[in-house]
Structures are given as C-alpha cells and as structure tokens.
Amino acid sequence: MTYNPRPIPTEGIRLSGDLLALGEILAENAHDLWAQRRLSEGWSPGEHRDDFRHKHPNLVPYKDLSETEKEYDRMITVQTLRAIIALGYTIEKK
C-alpha cells in the first residue's frame, strides 16, 4: 500500500491580519490541549523527551516554547484556517 497525502489545496488563500492573529490564539490553544492531555496521562516536564519515564521538554507554557515548536503549532492552525476558507466557509468575529 502506498500512502499519497492529499491536503486541501490552499496555495491561493491569504489570511487577513485578524485571521493570522486568530491562528496564533488557536496555536496556543492547541498546545494547551496537547499539554493538558499529556499531563493527565502522567507526563511531566523534563529536559529531554523520555517516553519510558513520561518526560517531555515541551510541557511548558506556549510562551516558553522555542520558535521552532511554536511554528509547528502555527502551521497547523493557519493551514486549518486556510482549508476552511478554501472549502467555501467564512470566518467572522461576532
């Protein structure tokens, strides 16, 4: 079996400043959800990832993550916002 990923095409979608700001809020929320789950599973902060001892260096507040780690969360949320728009939905603040 060959896996051929087919993400929703979003190359032409540009996000406004407001939606990019929303992407940052959602990136922090995604990190918090991930961290909350890990902590509930018995993981704790550690200098290095250790799956056996359930230690992870990213179990810190979003603001304390490296830019590389933040960029991963941002990429996922921004691509999700772009996919929503590519599918014909609109996003508006009430």
N, C-alpha and C. Protein backbone atom coordinates (compact mmCIF):
# COMPACT_ATOMS: atom_id res chain seq x y z
N MET A 1 0.84 -1.19 0.00
CA MET A 1 0.00 0.00 0.00
C MET A 1 0.89 1.25 0.00
N THR A 2 0.55 2.19 -0.84
CA THR A 2 1.27 3.45 -0.91
C THR A 2 0.36 4.56 -0.42
N TYR A 3 0.87 5.32 0.51
CA TYR A 3 0.11 6.46 1.05
C TYR A 3 0.46 7.70 0.25
N ASN A 4 -0.56 8.37 -0.26
CA ASN A 4 -0.36 9.59 -1.04
C ASN A 4 -1.17 10.71 -0.40
N PRO A 5 -0.56 11.49 0.51
CA PRO A 5 -1.30 12.55 1.18
C PRO A 5 -1.90 13.54 0.18
N ARG A 6 -3.12 13.96 0.45
CA ARG A 6 -3.81 14.92 -0.43
C ARG A 6 -4.47 16.02 0.42
N PRO A 7 -3.67 16.92 0.95
CA PRO A 7 -4.28 18.00 1.73
C PRO A 7 -5.12 18.91 0.82
N ILE A 8 -6.04 19.59 1.43
CA ILE A 8 -6.89 20.54 0.70
C ILE A 8 -5.99 21.62 0.11
N PRO A 9 -6.10 21.89 -1.19
CA PRO A 9 -5.26 22.93 -1.80
C PRO A 9 -5.58 24.31 -1.21
N THR A 10 -4.56 24.96 -0.69
CA THR A 10 -4.75 26.27 -0.06
C THR A 10 -3.74 27.30 -0.55
N GLU A 11 -3.02 26.98 -1.60
CA GLU A 11 -1.92 27.85 -2.04
C GLU A 11 -2.36 29.28 -2.32
N GLY A 12 -3.55 29.48 -2.84
CA GLY A 12 -4.00 30.82 -3.19
C GLY A 12 -4.72 31.56 -2.08
N ILE A 13 -4.85 30.95 -0.92
CA ILE A 13 -5.60 31.55 0.19
C ILE A 13 -4.65 32.42 1.02
N ARG A 14 -5.00 33.68 1.16
CA ARG A 14 -4.24 34.60 2.00
C ARG A 14 -5.13 34.99 3.19
N LEU A 15 -4.55 34.98 4.35
CA LEU A 15 -5.31 35.32 5.56
C LEU A 15 -5.08 36.78 5.93
N SER A 16 -6.14 37.40 6.40
CA SER A 16 -6.05 38.78 6.89
C SER A 16 -5.26 38.80 8.20
N GLY A 17 -4.87 39.97 8.62
CA GLY A 17 -4.18 40.12 9.90
C GLY A 17 -5.00 39.58 11.07
N ASP A 18 -6.32 39.80 11.02
CA ASP A 18 -7.19 39.29 12.08
C ASP A 18 -7.17 37.77 12.13
N LEU A 19 -7.19 37.13 10.95
CA LEU A 19 -7.18 35.66 10.94
C LEU A 19 -5.82 35.10 11.31
N LEU A 20 -4.75 35.81 10.98
CA LEU A 20 -3.43 35.38 11.44
C LEU A 20 -3.33 35.48 12.96
N ALA A 21 -3.93 36.54 13.53
CA ALA A 21 -3.97 36.67 14.99
C ALA A 21 -4.79 35.54 15.60
N LEU A 22 -5.90 35.19 14.96
CA LEU A 22 -6.70 34.06 15.42
C LEU A 22 -5.88 32.78 15.36
N GLY A 23 -5.09 32.63 14.30
CA GLY A 23 -4.22 31.46 14.17
C GLY A 23 -3.27 31.33 15.34
N GLU A 24 -2.74 32.45 15.80
CA GLU A 24 -1.82 32.43 16.96
C GLU A 24 -2.56 32.01 18.23
N ILE A 25 -3.78 32.51 18.42
CA ILE A 25 -4.58 32.12 19.58
C ILE A 25 -4.88 30.62 19.52
N LEU A 26 -5.23 30.14 18.34
CA LEU A 26 -5.53 28.72 18.18
C LEU A 26 -4.28 27.86 18.35
N ALA A 27 -3.13 28.36 17.95
CA ALA A 27 -1.88 27.62 18.14
C ALA A 27 -1.59 27.44 19.63
N GLU A 28 -1.78 28.50 20.39
CA GLU A 28 -1.58 28.39 21.84
C GLU A 28 -2.59 27.43 22.45
N ASN A 29 -3.84 27.50 21.98
CA ASN A 29 -4.86 26.59 22.48
C ASN A 29 -4.53 25.14 22.14
N ALA A 30 -4.04 24.90 20.93
CA ALA A 30 -3.67 23.53 20.53
C ALA A 30 -2.55 23.01 21.43
N HIS A 31 -1.59 23.86 21.73
CA HIS A 31 -0.51 23.45 22.64
C HIS A 31 -1.07 23.13 24.02
N ASP A 32 -1.95 23.99 24.51
CA ASP A 32 -2.53 23.76 25.84
C ASP A 32 -3.34 22.47 25.88
N LEU A 33 -4.08 22.17 24.81
CA LEU A 33 -4.84 20.92 24.77
C LEU A 33 -3.91 19.71 24.77
N TRP A 34 -2.84 19.79 23.97
CA TRP A 34 -1.86 18.71 23.94
C TRP A 34 -1.24 18.53 25.32
N ALA A 35 -0.82 19.63 25.95
CA ALA A 35 -0.16 19.57 27.26
C ALA A 35 -1.12 19.04 28.32
N GLN A 36 -2.36 19.50 28.28
CA GLN A 36 -3.35 19.04 29.25
C GLN A 36 -3.53 17.51 29.17
N ARG A 37 -3.58 17.01 27.94
CA ARG A 37 -3.73 15.57 27.76
C ARG A 37 -2.50 14.82 28.28
N ARG A 38 -1.32 15.30 27.90
CA ARG A 38 -0.10 14.65 28.38
C ARG A 38 -0.03 14.64 29.90
N LEU A 39 -0.32 15.77 30.52
CA LEU A 39 -0.26 15.84 31.98
C LEU A 39 -1.27 14.87 32.61
N SER A 40 -2.46 14.78 32.02
CA SER A 40 -3.47 13.86 32.57
C SER A 40 -3.07 12.39 32.40
N GLU A 41 -2.17 12.14 31.46
CA GLU A 41 -1.67 10.78 31.23
C GLU A 41 -0.42 10.48 32.08
N GLY A 42 -0.06 11.43 32.94
CA GLY A 42 1.05 11.20 33.85
C GLY A 42 2.40 11.70 33.37
N TRP A 43 2.43 12.44 32.26
CA TRP A 43 3.68 13.01 31.78
C TRP A 43 4.04 14.23 32.63
N SER A 44 5.32 14.57 32.65
CA SER A 44 5.78 15.76 33.37
C SER A 44 6.91 16.40 32.57
N PRO A 45 7.20 17.67 32.88
CA PRO A 45 8.29 18.35 32.16
C PRO A 45 9.63 17.64 32.40
N GLY A 46 10.45 17.66 31.40
CA GLY A 46 11.79 17.10 31.53
C GLY A 46 12.71 17.75 30.52
N GLU A 47 13.99 17.69 30.80
CA GLU A 47 14.96 18.34 29.91
C GLU A 47 14.97 17.69 28.53
N HIS A 48 14.75 16.38 28.48
CA HIS A 48 14.73 15.63 27.23
C HIS A 48 13.51 14.74 27.20
N ARG A 49 13.02 14.45 26.01
CA ARG A 49 11.88 13.54 25.88
C ARG A 49 12.33 12.14 26.29
N ASP A 50 11.50 11.53 27.14
CA ASP A 50 11.76 10.17 27.59
C ASP A 50 10.40 9.47 27.66
N ASP A 51 10.11 8.67 26.65
CA ASP A 51 8.81 8.00 26.59
C ASP A 51 8.63 7.00 27.72
N PHE A 52 9.70 6.38 28.18
CA PHE A 52 9.60 5.40 29.26
C PHE A 52 9.24 6.07 30.59
N ARG A 53 9.87 7.21 30.87
CA ARG A 53 9.62 7.93 32.14
C ARG A 53 8.54 9.00 32.02
N HIS A 54 7.98 9.14 30.81
CA HIS A 54 6.93 10.13 30.55
C HIS A 54 7.40 11.55 30.88
N LYS A 55 8.53 11.91 30.30
CA LYS A 55 9.08 13.27 30.43
C LYS A 55 9.07 13.92 29.05
N HIS A 56 8.77 15.22 29.02
CA HIS A 56 8.75 15.92 27.74
C HIS A 56 9.17 17.38 27.95
N PRO A 57 10.12 17.87 27.14
CA PRO A 57 10.61 19.24 27.32
C PRO A 57 9.60 20.32 26.92
N ASN A 58 8.57 19.94 26.17
CA ASN A 58 7.59 20.96 25.72
C ASN A 58 6.39 21.09 26.66
N LEU A 59 6.44 20.48 27.81
CA LEU A 59 5.37 20.67 28.78
C LEU A 59 5.64 21.94 29.58
N VAL A 60 5.58 23.02 28.85
CA VAL A 60 5.79 24.37 29.39
C VAL A 60 4.74 25.27 28.76
N PRO A 61 4.51 26.45 29.33
CA PRO A 61 3.57 27.39 28.68
C PRO A 61 4.01 27.70 27.25
N TYR A 62 3.04 27.95 26.40
CA TYR A 62 3.29 28.24 24.99
C TYR A 62 4.34 29.33 24.83
N LYS A 63 4.26 30.38 25.64
CA LYS A 63 5.20 31.50 25.52
C LYS A 63 6.64 31.06 25.75
N ASP A 64 6.84 29.95 26.43
CA ASP A 64 8.19 29.47 26.74
C ASP A 64 8.72 28.45 25.73
N LEU A 65 7.90 28.09 24.75
CA LEU A 65 8.36 27.17 23.71
C LEU A 65 9.39 27.84 22.81
N SER A 66 10.21 27.06 22.18
CA SER A 66 11.13 27.60 21.18
C SER A 66 10.31 28.08 19.99
N GLU A 67 10.87 28.97 19.20
CA GLU A 67 10.16 29.44 18.00
C GLU A 67 9.89 28.28 17.04
N THR A 68 10.78 27.32 16.98
CA THR A 68 10.57 26.15 16.12
C THR A 68 9.32 25.39 16.54
N GLU A 69 9.15 25.19 17.82
CA GLU A 69 7.97 24.47 18.33
C GLU A 69 6.70 25.30 18.12
N LYS A 70 6.78 26.59 18.37
CA LYS A 70 5.61 27.45 18.13
C LYS A 70 5.22 27.42 16.66
N GLU A 71 6.22 27.41 15.78
CA GLU A 71 5.95 27.44 14.34
C GLU A 71 5.19 26.19 13.90
N TYR A 72 5.46 25.05 14.52
CA TYR A 72 4.72 23.83 14.18
C TYR A 72 3.23 24.02 14.50
N ASP A 73 2.93 24.52 15.70
CA ASP A 73 1.53 24.76 16.08
C ASP A 73 0.89 25.80 15.18
N ARG A 74 1.63 26.85 14.86
CA ARG A 74 1.10 27.90 13.97
C ARG A 74 0.79 27.33 12.59
N MET A 75 1.68 26.52 12.05
CA MET A 75 1.50 25.96 10.72
C MET A 75 0.20 25.15 10.67
N ILE A 76 -0.04 24.33 11.66
CA ILE A 76 -1.24 23.51 11.68
C ILE A 76 -2.49 24.39 11.74
N THR A 77 -2.50 25.38 12.61
CA THR A 77 -3.72 26.20 12.76
C THR A 77 -3.93 27.11 11.55
N VAL A 78 -2.87 27.70 11.03
CA VAL A 78 -3.02 28.57 9.85
C VAL A 78 -3.47 27.74 8.65
N GLN A 79 -2.91 26.56 8.47
CA GLN A 79 -3.34 25.71 7.36
C GLN A 79 -4.80 25.28 7.53
N THR A 80 -5.23 25.07 8.77
CA THR A 80 -6.63 24.72 9.01
C THR A 80 -7.54 25.88 8.66
N LEU A 81 -7.16 27.09 9.05
CA LEU A 81 -7.96 28.27 8.69
C LEU A 81 -8.02 28.44 7.18
N ARG A 82 -6.89 28.24 6.52
CA ARG A 82 -6.86 28.36 5.05
C ARG A 82 -7.73 27.28 4.41
N ALA A 83 -7.73 26.07 4.95
CA ALA A 83 -8.56 24.99 4.41
C ALA A 83 -10.04 25.31 4.58
N ILE A 84 -10.42 25.87 5.72
CA ILE A 84 -11.82 26.25 5.95
C ILE A 84 -12.27 27.22 4.86
N ILE A 85 -11.45 28.21 4.58
CA ILE A 85 -11.78 29.21 3.57
C ILE A 85 -11.79 28.57 2.17
N ALA A 86 -10.83 27.71 1.89
CA ALA A 86 -10.78 27.05 0.58
C ALA A 86 -12.03 26.20 0.34
N LEU A 87 -12.61 25.68 1.40
CA LEU A 87 -13.83 24.87 1.28
C LEU A 87 -15.09 25.71 1.16
N GLY A 88 -14.91 27.04 1.15
CA GLY A 88 -16.05 27.92 0.92
C GLY A 88 -16.70 28.50 2.17
N TYR A 89 -16.12 28.23 3.32
CA TYR A 89 -16.67 28.79 4.56
C TYR A 89 -16.09 30.18 4.81
N THR A 90 -16.78 30.94 5.60
CA THR A 90 -16.27 32.24 6.03
C THR A 90 -16.09 32.22 7.54
N ILE A 91 -15.19 33.04 7.99
CA ILE A 91 -14.92 33.16 9.42
C ILE A 91 -15.11 34.62 9.78
N GLU A 92 -16.00 34.87 10.70
CA GLU A 92 -16.22 36.25 11.12
C GLU A 92 -16.36 36.32 12.62
N LYS A 93 -15.92 37.42 13.16
CA LYS A 93 -15.99 37.65 14.61
C LYS A 93 -17.31 38.33 14.91
N LYS A 94 -17.97 37.87 15.94
CA LYS A 94 -19.25 38.48 16.33
C LYS A 94 -19.04 39.54 17.37
